[in-house]
């Protein structure tokens, strides 16, 4: 399945593969988030030390430190820096909570991960990435019905999210709903997912 780890998803495949081998990364969000963090980093580099908006600069500094630590699987250190970023009242609070939740998930703290995704969704109930990330923690805890519900919510918000269809198909396969799995793989294939096409072919009767 596909994991959504925002900017650093492509750099932590080894760290997450053993525990969540069915999950895959949401590629569309990786691209957008990379631009966001690179942009934030440039703002930090270009901002004068005497900038009156020091609070925002400090938020960006700690957020980017957290992202760097997440990328090298230093999840404990990343959580500490996400905490500091949250203390500085960021405007991207959904993203920070969601990323901290991903770090907790990768440490095996699935309840903490779900709690952080819930906090992100409290701020924005239409934050699709919160549902996507929460579903992976629910899946690892064996809450397959909850994972399916969250992927369904992602699809409701963004009907063209092929990764959500792909992952929901794999969860359905886990619970023996092969008809439902094939239906979701077909939808993912229609959206251009080559891995879904392979699984659909392998699981066709």
N, C-alpha and C. Protein backbone atom coordinates (compact mmCIF):
# COMPACT_ATOMS: atom_id res chain seq x y z
N UNK A 1 0.83 -1.19 0.00
CA UNK A 1 0.00 0.00 0.00
C UNK A 1 0.87 1.25 0.00
N UNK A 2 0.26 2.37 -0.20
CA UNK A 2 1.02 3.61 -0.38
C UNK A 2 0.98 4.47 0.86
N UNK A 3 2.16 4.88 1.30
CA UNK A 3 2.27 5.78 2.46
C UNK A 3 2.36 7.21 1.99
N UNK A 4 1.74 8.09 2.75
CA UNK A 4 1.85 9.51 2.46
C UNK A 4 2.71 10.14 3.54
N UNK A 5 4.00 10.35 3.21
CA UNK A 5 4.93 10.92 4.18
C UNK A 5 5.36 12.31 3.76
N UNK A 6 4.55 13.00 2.99
CA UNK A 6 4.82 14.34 2.48
C UNK A 6 6.18 14.42 1.85
N UNK A 7 6.96 15.44 2.22
CA UNK A 7 8.17 15.76 1.47
C UNK A 7 9.22 14.68 1.47
N UNK A 8 9.21 13.83 2.46
CA UNK A 8 10.32 12.90 2.60
C UNK A 8 9.91 11.46 2.31
N UNK A 9 8.77 11.28 1.74
CA UNK A 9 8.28 9.92 1.55
C UNK A 9 9.23 9.07 0.74
N UNK A 10 9.82 9.62 -0.30
CA UNK A 10 10.68 8.82 -1.17
C UNK A 10 11.99 8.47 -0.50
N UNK A 11 12.32 9.14 0.61
CA UNK A 11 13.60 8.89 1.25
C UNK A 11 13.54 7.90 2.39
N UNK A 12 12.35 7.42 2.75
CA UNK A 12 12.25 6.57 3.92
C UNK A 12 11.63 5.21 3.60
N UNK A 13 11.73 4.80 2.34
CA UNK A 13 11.13 3.54 1.96
C UNK A 13 11.67 2.37 2.77
N UNK A 14 12.96 2.34 3.02
CA UNK A 14 13.55 1.24 3.77
C UNK A 14 13.03 1.20 5.19
N UNK A 15 12.87 2.35 5.80
CA UNK A 15 12.47 2.41 7.20
C UNK A 15 11.04 1.96 7.40
N UNK A 16 10.19 2.14 6.39
CA UNK A 16 8.77 1.85 6.58
C UNK A 16 8.33 0.55 5.91
N UNK A 17 9.16 0.00 5.05
CA UNK A 17 8.71 -1.13 4.25
C UNK A 17 8.37 -2.35 5.09
N UNK A 18 9.14 -2.62 6.11
CA UNK A 18 8.91 -3.84 6.89
C UNK A 18 7.57 -3.84 7.59
N UNK A 19 7.18 -2.71 8.14
CA UNK A 19 5.97 -2.67 8.93
C UNK A 19 4.72 -2.42 8.13
N UNK A 20 4.84 -1.78 6.96
CA UNK A 20 3.67 -1.39 6.20
C UNK A 20 3.89 -1.74 4.73
N UNK A 21 4.17 -3.00 4.47
CA UNK A 21 4.62 -3.40 3.14
C UNK A 21 3.55 -3.23 2.08
N UNK A 22 2.29 -3.11 2.48
CA UNK A 22 1.24 -2.95 1.49
C UNK A 22 1.02 -1.49 1.11
N UNK A 23 1.64 -0.59 1.86
CA UNK A 23 1.36 0.83 1.65
C UNK A 23 2.33 1.46 0.66
N UNK A 24 1.81 2.40 -0.10
CA UNK A 24 2.64 3.15 -1.03
C UNK A 24 2.43 4.64 -0.81
N UNK A 25 3.32 5.44 -1.39
CA UNK A 25 3.31 6.89 -1.17
C UNK A 25 2.32 7.58 -2.10
N UNK A 26 1.64 8.61 -1.60
CA UNK A 26 0.78 9.44 -2.41
C UNK A 26 1.67 10.39 -3.19
N UNK A 27 1.89 10.08 -4.47
CA UNK A 27 2.90 10.79 -5.26
C UNK A 27 2.54 12.25 -5.50
N UNK A 28 1.26 12.55 -5.70
CA UNK A 28 0.86 13.92 -5.98
C UNK A 28 1.20 14.83 -4.82
N UNK A 29 0.99 14.37 -3.58
CA UNK A 29 1.26 15.20 -2.43
C UNK A 29 2.76 15.38 -2.22
N UNK A 30 3.55 14.36 -2.57
CA UNK A 30 5.00 14.47 -2.44
C UNK A 30 5.50 15.66 -3.25
N UNK A 31 5.03 15.79 -4.48
CA UNK A 31 5.49 16.88 -5.34
C UNK A 31 5.12 18.22 -4.75
N UNK A 32 3.87 18.38 -4.34
CA UNK A 32 3.42 19.65 -3.80
C UNK A 32 4.12 20.00 -2.51
N UNK A 33 4.33 19.04 -1.65
CA UNK A 33 4.93 19.31 -0.36
C UNK A 33 6.41 19.62 -0.49
N UNK A 34 7.07 18.98 -1.45
CA UNK A 34 8.47 19.29 -1.67
C UNK A 34 8.62 20.76 -2.03
N UNK A 35 7.75 21.24 -2.90
CA UNK A 35 7.81 22.64 -3.28
C UNK A 35 7.57 23.53 -2.08
N UNK A 36 6.65 23.13 -1.21
CA UNK A 36 6.33 23.93 -0.03
C UNK A 36 7.55 24.07 0.87
N UNK A 37 8.21 22.94 1.15
CA UNK A 37 9.32 22.98 2.10
C UNK A 37 10.55 23.62 1.48
N UNK A 38 10.79 23.36 0.20
CA UNK A 38 11.91 24.04 -0.45
C UNK A 38 11.67 25.54 -0.42
N UNK A 39 10.43 25.95 -0.70
CA UNK A 39 10.11 27.37 -0.66
C UNK A 39 10.31 27.95 0.72
N UNK A 40 9.91 27.21 1.75
CA UNK A 40 10.10 27.68 3.12
C UNK A 40 11.58 27.82 3.44
N UNK A 41 12.37 26.83 2.97
CA UNK A 41 13.80 26.90 3.22
C UNK A 41 14.44 28.11 2.56
N UNK A 42 14.00 28.44 1.34
CA UNK A 42 14.54 29.60 0.67
C UNK A 42 14.17 30.88 1.40
N UNK A 43 12.93 30.89 1.93
CA UNK A 43 12.52 32.08 2.68
C UNK A 43 13.40 32.29 3.89
N UNK A 44 13.77 31.19 4.55
CA UNK A 44 14.64 31.30 5.73
C UNK A 44 16.01 31.85 5.31
N UNK A 45 16.53 31.32 4.21
CA UNK A 45 17.86 31.73 3.77
C UNK A 45 17.90 33.20 3.37
N UNK A 46 16.80 33.68 2.78
CA UNK A 46 16.79 35.03 2.27
C UNK A 46 16.36 36.06 3.30
N UNK A 47 15.71 35.63 4.37
CA UNK A 47 15.18 36.57 5.34
C UNK A 47 16.31 37.15 6.19
N UNK A 48 16.29 38.44 6.38
CA UNK A 48 17.31 39.12 7.17
C UNK A 48 17.19 38.72 8.64
N UNK A 49 18.31 38.68 9.35
CA UNK A 49 18.30 38.32 10.76
C UNK A 49 17.48 39.30 11.60
N UNK A 50 17.33 40.52 11.12
CA UNK A 50 16.57 41.53 11.85
C UNK A 50 15.11 41.55 11.44
N UNK A 51 14.68 40.57 10.66
CA UNK A 51 13.29 40.52 10.23
C UNK A 51 12.38 40.56 11.45
N UNK A 52 11.39 41.47 11.46
CA UNK A 52 10.49 41.54 12.62
C UNK A 52 9.61 40.31 12.77
N UNK A 53 9.42 39.57 11.68
CA UNK A 53 8.55 38.39 11.75
C UNK A 53 9.36 37.18 12.19
N UNK A 54 10.03 37.31 13.33
CA UNK A 54 10.93 36.25 13.80
C UNK A 54 10.18 34.98 14.16
N UNK A 55 8.95 35.14 14.63
CA UNK A 55 8.17 33.97 15.04
C UNK A 55 7.94 33.04 13.86
N UNK A 56 7.58 33.62 12.70
CA UNK A 56 7.37 32.80 11.52
C UNK A 56 8.66 32.14 11.09
N UNK A 57 9.78 32.90 11.17
CA UNK A 57 11.07 32.33 10.77
C UNK A 57 11.41 31.15 11.67
N UNK A 58 11.17 31.30 12.96
CA UNK A 58 11.47 30.20 13.87
C UNK A 58 10.62 28.98 13.57
N UNK A 59 9.36 29.19 13.23
CA UNK A 59 8.50 28.07 12.86
C UNK A 59 9.08 27.33 11.66
N UNK A 60 9.42 28.09 10.63
CA UNK A 60 9.97 27.47 9.43
C UNK A 60 11.28 26.73 9.74
N UNK A 61 12.09 27.33 10.60
CA UNK A 61 13.37 26.71 10.97
C UNK A 61 13.14 25.36 11.62
N UNK A 62 12.26 25.31 12.61
CA UNK A 62 12.02 24.05 13.32
C UNK A 62 11.28 23.04 12.45
N UNK A 63 10.37 23.53 11.62
CA UNK A 63 9.65 22.60 10.73
C UNK A 63 10.62 21.94 9.76
N UNK A 64 11.50 22.73 9.17
CA UNK A 64 12.45 22.16 8.21
C UNK A 64 13.46 21.26 8.89
N UNK A 65 13.87 21.60 10.13
CA UNK A 65 14.74 20.69 10.88
C UNK A 65 14.04 19.35 11.09
N UNK A 66 12.76 19.41 11.43
CA UNK A 66 11.99 18.18 11.64
C UNK A 66 11.92 17.37 10.36
N UNK A 67 11.68 18.04 9.24
CA UNK A 67 11.60 17.33 7.96
C UNK A 67 12.92 16.64 7.62
N UNK A 68 14.02 17.34 7.87
CA UNK A 68 15.34 16.76 7.60
C UNK A 68 15.57 15.51 8.46
N UNK A 69 15.18 15.58 9.72
CA UNK A 69 15.36 14.43 10.61
C UNK A 69 14.45 13.27 10.21
N UNK A 70 13.24 13.58 9.80
CA UNK A 70 12.33 12.54 9.33
C UNK A 70 12.93 11.81 8.13
N UNK A 71 13.55 12.57 7.26
CA UNK A 71 14.10 11.99 6.03
C UNK A 71 15.16 10.94 6.31
N UNK A 72 15.89 11.11 7.40
CA UNK A 72 16.94 10.13 7.74
C UNK A 72 16.47 9.19 8.85
N UNK A 73 15.15 9.10 9.02
CA UNK A 73 14.52 8.18 9.98
C UNK A 73 14.84 8.48 11.44
N UNK A 74 15.20 9.73 11.74
CA UNK A 74 15.38 10.16 13.13
C UNK A 74 14.04 10.69 13.62
N UNK A 75 13.11 9.77 13.85
CA UNK A 75 11.74 10.16 14.15
C UNK A 75 11.60 10.81 15.53
N UNK A 76 12.39 10.34 16.49
CA UNK A 76 12.34 10.95 17.82
C UNK A 76 12.75 12.42 17.75
N UNK A 77 13.85 12.69 17.05
CA UNK A 77 14.30 14.06 16.89
C UNK A 77 13.31 14.90 16.10
N UNK A 78 12.71 14.30 15.08
CA UNK A 78 11.72 15.02 14.28
C UNK A 78 10.54 15.43 15.14
N UNK A 79 10.07 14.53 15.99
CA UNK A 79 8.93 14.85 16.85
C UNK A 79 9.24 16.04 17.75
N UNK A 80 10.45 16.09 18.29
CA UNK A 80 10.82 17.22 19.16
C UNK A 80 10.76 18.54 18.40
N UNK A 81 11.22 18.53 17.15
CA UNK A 81 11.19 19.76 16.36
C UNK A 81 9.78 20.09 15.88
N UNK A 82 8.97 19.08 15.57
CA UNK A 82 7.56 19.37 15.25
C UNK A 82 6.88 20.01 16.46
N UNK A 83 7.21 19.53 17.66
CA UNK A 83 6.64 20.12 18.88
C UNK A 83 6.98 21.60 18.97
N UNK A 84 8.25 21.92 18.68
CA UNK A 84 8.67 23.32 18.77
C UNK A 84 7.96 24.17 17.71
N UNK A 85 7.79 23.60 16.51
CA UNK A 85 7.08 24.33 15.46
C UNK A 85 5.64 24.59 15.87
N UNK A 86 5.00 23.61 16.48
CA UNK A 86 3.62 23.78 16.90
C UNK A 86 3.48 24.85 17.98
N UNK A 87 4.49 24.98 18.83
CA UNK A 87 4.44 26.00 19.87
C UNK A 87 4.45 27.41 19.30
N UNK A 88 4.90 27.54 18.05
CA UNK A 88 5.03 28.86 17.44
C UNK A 88 3.83 29.23 16.57
N UNK A 89 2.70 28.57 16.81
CA UNK A 89 1.44 28.90 16.15
C UNK A 89 1.57 28.99 14.63
N UNK A 90 1.95 27.91 13.97
CA UNK A 90 2.11 27.95 12.52
C UNK A 90 0.77 28.06 11.80
N UNK A 91 0.83 28.61 10.60
CA UNK A 91 -0.38 28.65 9.79
C UNK A 91 -0.65 27.29 9.16
N UNK A 92 0.38 26.50 8.96
CA UNK A 92 0.22 25.17 8.36
C UNK A 92 0.09 24.12 9.46
N UNK A 93 -0.77 24.37 10.42
CA UNK A 93 -0.83 23.50 11.58
C UNK A 93 -1.31 22.09 11.23
N UNK A 94 -2.17 21.96 10.23
CA UNK A 94 -2.61 20.63 9.81
C UNK A 94 -1.42 19.80 9.33
N UNK A 95 -0.56 20.42 8.54
CA UNK A 95 0.61 19.72 8.01
C UNK A 95 1.54 19.29 9.13
N UNK A 96 1.75 20.15 10.14
CA UNK A 96 2.69 19.81 11.21
C UNK A 96 2.14 18.66 12.04
N UNK A 97 0.87 18.73 12.42
CA UNK A 97 0.28 17.63 13.18
C UNK A 97 0.34 16.33 12.37
N UNK A 98 0.04 16.41 11.09
CA UNK A 98 0.03 15.21 10.26
C UNK A 98 1.41 14.61 10.13
N UNK A 99 2.43 15.47 9.96
CA UNK A 99 3.79 14.97 9.86
C UNK A 99 4.26 14.36 11.19
N UNK A 100 3.89 15.01 12.30
CA UNK A 100 4.26 14.44 13.60
C UNK A 100 3.59 13.09 13.78
N UNK A 101 2.36 12.99 13.32
CA UNK A 101 1.67 11.70 13.36
C UNK A 101 2.37 10.64 12.55
N UNK A 102 2.90 11.01 11.39
CA UNK A 102 3.64 10.06 10.57
C UNK A 102 4.90 9.58 11.28
N UNK A 103 5.56 10.50 11.97
CA UNK A 103 6.76 10.11 12.72
C UNK A 103 6.40 9.13 13.83
N UNK A 104 5.31 9.40 14.52
CA UNK A 104 4.86 8.48 15.58
C UNK A 104 4.48 7.13 14.99
N UNK A 105 3.83 7.15 13.85
CA UNK A 105 3.47 5.89 13.19
C UNK A 105 4.70 5.07 12.87
N UNK A 106 5.74 5.72 12.36
CA UNK A 106 6.94 5.00 11.99
C UNK A 106 7.72 4.50 13.19
N UNK A 107 7.41 5.04 14.38
CA UNK A 107 7.99 4.53 15.62
C UNK A 107 7.13 3.45 16.25
N UNK A 108 6.00 3.15 15.65
CA UNK A 108 5.11 2.13 16.19
C UNK A 108 4.09 2.65 17.17
N UNK A 109 4.03 3.98 17.35
CA UNK A 109 3.04 4.59 18.25
C UNK A 109 1.79 4.90 17.43
N UNK A 110 1.00 3.87 17.15
CA UNK A 110 -0.13 4.04 16.26
C UNK A 110 -1.26 4.86 16.89
N UNK A 111 -1.46 4.70 18.18
CA UNK A 111 -2.48 5.50 18.85
C UNK A 111 -2.10 6.98 18.83
N UNK A 112 -0.82 7.27 19.09
CA UNK A 112 -0.35 8.65 19.01
C UNK A 112 -0.46 9.20 17.60
N UNK A 113 -0.19 8.36 16.62
CA UNK A 113 -0.30 8.77 15.22
C UNK A 113 -1.73 9.15 14.88
N UNK A 114 -2.67 8.31 15.30
CA UNK A 114 -4.08 8.58 15.02
C UNK A 114 -4.52 9.84 15.73
N UNK A 115 -4.06 10.04 16.96
CA UNK A 115 -4.41 11.24 17.72
C UNK A 115 -3.95 12.50 16.98
N UNK A 116 -2.73 12.48 16.43
CA UNK A 116 -2.23 13.65 15.72
C UNK A 116 -3.00 13.90 14.43
N UNK A 117 -3.35 12.82 13.72
CA UNK A 117 -4.14 13.02 12.50
C UNK A 117 -5.53 13.56 12.86
N UNK A 118 -6.07 13.13 13.99
CA UNK A 118 -7.35 13.66 14.45
C UNK A 118 -7.25 15.17 14.71
N UNK A 119 -6.12 15.58 15.31
CA UNK A 119 -5.94 17.01 15.59
C UNK A 119 -5.85 17.80 14.29
N UNK A 120 -5.17 17.25 13.30
CA UNK A 120 -5.11 17.93 11.99
C UNK A 120 -6.51 18.07 11.41
N UNK A 121 -7.30 17.01 11.53
CA UNK A 121 -8.65 17.03 10.96
C UNK A 121 -9.60 17.90 11.77
N UNK A 122 -9.31 18.10 13.04
CA UNK A 122 -10.11 19.03 13.83
C UNK A 122 -9.99 20.45 13.28
N UNK A 123 -8.80 20.80 12.79
CA UNK A 123 -8.59 22.12 12.22
C UNK A 123 -9.21 22.23 10.83
N UNK A 124 -9.18 21.15 10.09
CA UNK A 124 -9.73 21.17 8.73
C UNK A 124 -10.32 19.79 8.40
N UNK A 125 -11.62 19.63 8.53
CA UNK A 125 -12.26 18.34 8.25
C UNK A 125 -12.14 17.89 6.80
N UNK A 126 -11.71 18.78 5.92
CA UNK A 126 -11.53 18.42 4.51
C UNK A 126 -10.05 18.22 4.17
N UNK A 127 -9.22 18.06 5.18
CA UNK A 127 -7.79 17.84 4.97
C UNK A 127 -7.57 16.38 4.59
N UNK A 128 -7.57 16.11 3.31
CA UNK A 128 -7.54 14.73 2.81
C UNK A 128 -6.32 13.96 3.29
N UNK A 129 -5.17 14.64 3.41
CA UNK A 129 -3.95 13.96 3.82
C UNK A 129 -4.05 13.43 5.25
N UNK A 130 -4.84 14.10 6.09
CA UNK A 130 -5.04 13.60 7.44
C UNK A 130 -5.75 12.26 7.44
N UNK A 131 -6.76 12.12 6.60
CA UNK A 131 -7.46 10.84 6.48
C UNK A 131 -6.54 9.77 5.90
N UNK A 132 -5.76 10.18 4.88
CA UNK A 132 -4.85 9.22 4.23
C UNK A 132 -3.84 8.68 5.23
N UNK A 133 -3.23 9.59 5.99
CA UNK A 133 -2.21 9.17 6.95
C UNK A 133 -2.81 8.40 8.12
N UNK A 134 -4.00 8.79 8.55
CA UNK A 134 -4.64 8.08 9.65
C UNK A 134 -4.97 6.64 9.26
N UNK A 135 -5.32 6.45 8.00
CA UNK A 135 -5.69 5.11 7.55
C UNK A 135 -4.54 4.13 7.66
N UNK A 136 -3.31 4.59 7.42
CA UNK A 136 -2.17 3.67 7.49
C UNK A 136 -1.93 3.19 8.92
N UNK A 137 -2.14 4.09 9.90
CA UNK A 137 -2.00 3.69 11.30
C UNK A 137 -3.11 2.73 11.70
N UNK A 138 -4.33 3.00 11.23
CA UNK A 138 -5.44 2.10 11.52
C UNK A 138 -5.19 0.72 10.91
N UNK A 139 -4.65 0.70 9.71
CA UNK A 139 -4.35 -0.57 9.05
C UNK A 139 -3.36 -1.37 9.87
N UNK A 140 -2.31 -0.70 10.36
CA UNK A 140 -1.29 -1.41 11.13
C UNK A 140 -1.85 -1.95 12.43
N UNK A 141 -2.85 -1.25 12.99
CA UNK A 141 -3.48 -1.71 14.23
C UNK A 141 -4.52 -2.80 13.99
N UNK A 142 -4.77 -3.12 12.73
CA UNK A 142 -5.76 -4.14 12.42
C UNK A 142 -7.17 -3.61 12.30
N UNK A 143 -7.31 -2.28 12.31
CA UNK A 143 -8.64 -1.68 12.15
C UNK A 143 -8.90 -1.49 10.65
N UNK A 144 -9.20 -2.59 9.98
CA UNK A 144 -9.36 -2.55 8.52
C UNK A 144 -10.60 -1.76 8.11
N UNK A 145 -11.67 -1.89 8.88
CA UNK A 145 -12.88 -1.13 8.56
C UNK A 145 -12.62 0.37 8.67
N UNK A 146 -11.88 0.77 9.71
CA UNK A 146 -11.54 2.17 9.87
C UNK A 146 -10.64 2.68 8.75
N UNK A 147 -9.70 1.84 8.32
CA UNK A 147 -8.81 2.22 7.22
C UNK A 147 -9.61 2.41 5.94
N UNK A 148 -10.53 1.51 5.67
CA UNK A 148 -11.37 1.63 4.47
C UNK A 148 -12.20 2.91 4.53
N UNK A 149 -12.77 3.20 5.69
CA UNK A 149 -13.56 4.42 5.84
C UNK A 149 -12.73 5.66 5.55
N UNK A 150 -11.48 5.68 6.03
CA UNK A 150 -10.63 6.85 5.80
C UNK A 150 -10.25 6.99 4.33
N UNK A 151 -9.91 5.88 3.69
CA UNK A 151 -9.61 5.97 2.25
C UNK A 151 -10.85 6.41 1.47
N UNK A 152 -12.01 5.97 1.90
CA UNK A 152 -13.25 6.40 1.24
C UNK A 152 -13.45 7.90 1.39
N UNK A 153 -13.06 8.44 2.56
CA UNK A 153 -13.18 9.88 2.78
C UNK A 153 -12.22 10.64 1.87
N UNK A 154 -11.01 10.10 1.70
CA UNK A 154 -10.05 10.73 0.78
C UNK A 154 -10.64 10.78 -0.63
N UNK A 155 -11.23 9.66 -1.04
CA UNK A 155 -11.80 9.58 -2.39
C UNK A 155 -12.98 10.53 -2.54
N UNK A 156 -13.74 10.69 -1.49
CA UNK A 156 -14.86 11.63 -1.52
C UNK A 156 -14.36 13.05 -1.73
N UNK A 157 -13.25 13.41 -1.08
CA UNK A 157 -12.67 14.74 -1.21
C UNK A 157 -11.96 14.90 -2.55
N UNK A 158 -11.26 13.85 -2.96
CA UNK A 158 -10.50 13.89 -4.22
C UNK A 158 -10.73 12.59 -5.00
N UNK A 159 -11.76 12.56 -5.85
CA UNK A 159 -12.10 11.33 -6.59
C UNK A 159 -11.02 10.85 -7.54
N UNK A 160 -9.99 11.65 -7.77
CA UNK A 160 -8.92 11.26 -8.69
C UNK A 160 -7.66 10.80 -7.97
N UNK A 161 -7.77 10.52 -6.69
CA UNK A 161 -6.61 10.05 -5.91
C UNK A 161 -6.44 8.55 -6.14
N UNK A 162 -5.58 8.20 -7.07
CA UNK A 162 -5.38 6.79 -7.42
C UNK A 162 -4.78 6.01 -6.27
N UNK A 163 -3.94 6.65 -5.45
CA UNK A 163 -3.31 5.97 -4.33
C UNK A 163 -4.35 5.52 -3.31
N UNK A 164 -5.36 6.34 -3.09
CA UNK A 164 -6.42 5.96 -2.15
C UNK A 164 -7.20 4.76 -2.65
N UNK A 165 -7.48 4.73 -3.95
CA UNK A 165 -8.15 3.56 -4.53
C UNK A 165 -7.27 2.32 -4.40
N UNK A 166 -5.99 2.50 -4.70
CA UNK A 166 -5.04 1.38 -4.63
C UNK A 166 -4.99 0.80 -3.21
N UNK A 167 -4.83 1.69 -2.23
CA UNK A 167 -4.72 1.23 -0.85
C UNK A 167 -6.03 0.62 -0.35
N UNK A 168 -7.15 1.24 -0.71
CA UNK A 168 -8.42 0.69 -0.27
C UNK A 168 -8.63 -0.71 -0.85
N UNK A 169 -8.19 -0.90 -2.08
CA UNK A 169 -8.27 -2.23 -2.69
C UNK A 169 -7.48 -3.25 -1.90
N UNK A 170 -6.27 -2.87 -1.47
CA UNK A 170 -5.42 -3.81 -0.74
C UNK A 170 -5.98 -4.14 0.63
N UNK A 171 -6.62 -3.16 1.27
CA UNK A 171 -7.26 -3.44 2.55
C UNK A 171 -8.44 -4.39 2.34
N UNK A 172 -9.21 -4.15 1.30
CA UNK A 172 -10.34 -5.04 1.00
C UNK A 172 -9.85 -6.46 0.73
N UNK A 173 -8.72 -6.56 0.06
CA UNK A 173 -8.14 -7.89 -0.17
C UNK A 173 -7.80 -8.56 1.15
N UNK A 174 -7.27 -7.78 2.10
CA UNK A 174 -6.90 -8.32 3.41
C UNK A 174 -8.10 -8.93 4.14
N UNK A 175 -9.28 -8.36 3.94
CA UNK A 175 -10.47 -8.87 4.64
C UNK A 175 -11.26 -9.84 3.77
N UNK A 176 -10.73 -10.19 2.61
CA UNK A 176 -11.36 -11.19 1.76
C UNK A 176 -12.40 -10.66 0.81
N UNK A 177 -12.52 -9.35 0.69
CA UNK A 177 -13.49 -8.75 -0.24
C UNK A 177 -12.82 -8.56 -1.60
N UNK A 178 -12.67 -9.66 -2.33
CA UNK A 178 -11.95 -9.60 -3.59
C UNK A 178 -12.72 -8.84 -4.67
N UNK A 179 -14.04 -8.93 -4.66
CA UNK A 179 -14.82 -8.17 -5.64
C UNK A 179 -14.60 -6.67 -5.44
N UNK A 180 -14.65 -6.25 -4.18
CA UNK A 180 -14.42 -4.84 -3.88
C UNK A 180 -13.00 -4.42 -4.21
N UNK A 181 -12.05 -5.31 -3.95
CA UNK A 181 -10.65 -4.99 -4.25
C UNK A 181 -10.45 -4.82 -5.75
N UNK A 182 -11.01 -5.73 -6.53
CA UNK A 182 -10.85 -5.63 -7.99
C UNK A 182 -11.50 -4.36 -8.53
N UNK A 183 -12.63 -4.00 -7.96
CA UNK A 183 -13.31 -2.77 -8.40
C UNK A 183 -12.43 -1.55 -8.14
N UNK A 184 -11.80 -1.51 -6.97
CA UNK A 184 -10.93 -0.37 -6.66
C UNK A 184 -9.66 -0.38 -7.48
N UNK A 185 -9.08 -1.55 -7.71
CA UNK A 185 -7.90 -1.61 -8.58
C UNK A 185 -8.24 -1.10 -9.97
N UNK A 186 -9.42 -1.47 -10.48
CA UNK A 186 -9.83 -1.00 -11.81
C UNK A 186 -9.90 0.52 -11.85
N UNK A 187 -10.44 1.12 -10.78
CA UNK A 187 -10.54 2.58 -10.73
C UNK A 187 -9.15 3.20 -10.68
N UNK A 188 -8.24 2.56 -9.93
CA UNK A 188 -6.87 3.06 -9.87
C UNK A 188 -6.20 2.95 -11.24
N UNK A 189 -6.46 1.85 -11.93
CA UNK A 189 -5.91 1.66 -13.29
C UNK A 189 -6.42 2.76 -14.21
N UNK A 190 -7.71 3.06 -14.13
CA UNK A 190 -8.29 4.13 -14.96
C UNK A 190 -7.62 5.47 -14.70
N UNK A 191 -7.06 5.63 -13.48
CA UNK A 191 -6.37 6.87 -13.13
C UNK A 191 -4.87 6.80 -13.39
N UNK A 192 -4.44 5.70 -14.04
CA UNK A 192 -3.05 5.61 -14.49
C UNK A 192 -2.10 4.87 -13.58
N UNK A 193 -2.61 4.09 -12.61
CA UNK A 193 -1.74 3.39 -11.67
C UNK A 193 -1.30 2.05 -12.26
N UNK A 194 -0.02 1.94 -12.59
CA UNK A 194 0.50 0.72 -13.22
C UNK A 194 0.57 -0.45 -12.24
N UNK A 195 0.87 -0.16 -10.96
CA UNK A 195 0.91 -1.24 -9.97
C UNK A 195 -0.46 -1.85 -9.77
N UNK A 196 -1.48 -1.02 -9.82
CA UNK A 196 -2.85 -1.53 -9.69
C UNK A 196 -3.19 -2.45 -10.86
N UNK A 197 -2.70 -2.09 -12.03
CA UNK A 197 -2.96 -2.92 -13.20
C UNK A 197 -2.32 -4.30 -13.03
N UNK A 198 -1.14 -4.33 -12.48
CA UNK A 198 -0.45 -5.61 -12.24
C UNK A 198 -1.21 -6.45 -11.23
N UNK A 199 -1.65 -5.84 -10.13
CA UNK A 199 -2.39 -6.58 -9.10
C UNK A 199 -3.74 -7.04 -9.62
N UNK A 200 -4.37 -6.21 -10.41
CA UNK A 200 -5.66 -6.59 -10.99
C UNK A 200 -5.51 -7.83 -11.86
N UNK A 201 -4.45 -7.85 -12.66
CA UNK A 201 -4.20 -8.99 -13.53
C UNK A 201 -3.90 -10.24 -12.71
N UNK A 202 -3.11 -10.09 -11.63
CA UNK A 202 -2.75 -11.23 -10.80
C UNK A 202 -3.94 -11.80 -10.04
N UNK A 203 -4.92 -10.97 -9.76
CA UNK A 203 -6.04 -11.41 -8.92
C UNK A 203 -7.34 -11.58 -9.68
N UNK A 204 -7.27 -11.55 -11.00
CA UNK A 204 -8.48 -11.79 -11.79
C UNK A 204 -8.76 -13.29 -11.83
N UNK A 205 -10.02 -13.62 -11.69
CA UNK A 205 -10.40 -15.03 -11.72
C UNK A 205 -10.58 -15.48 -13.17
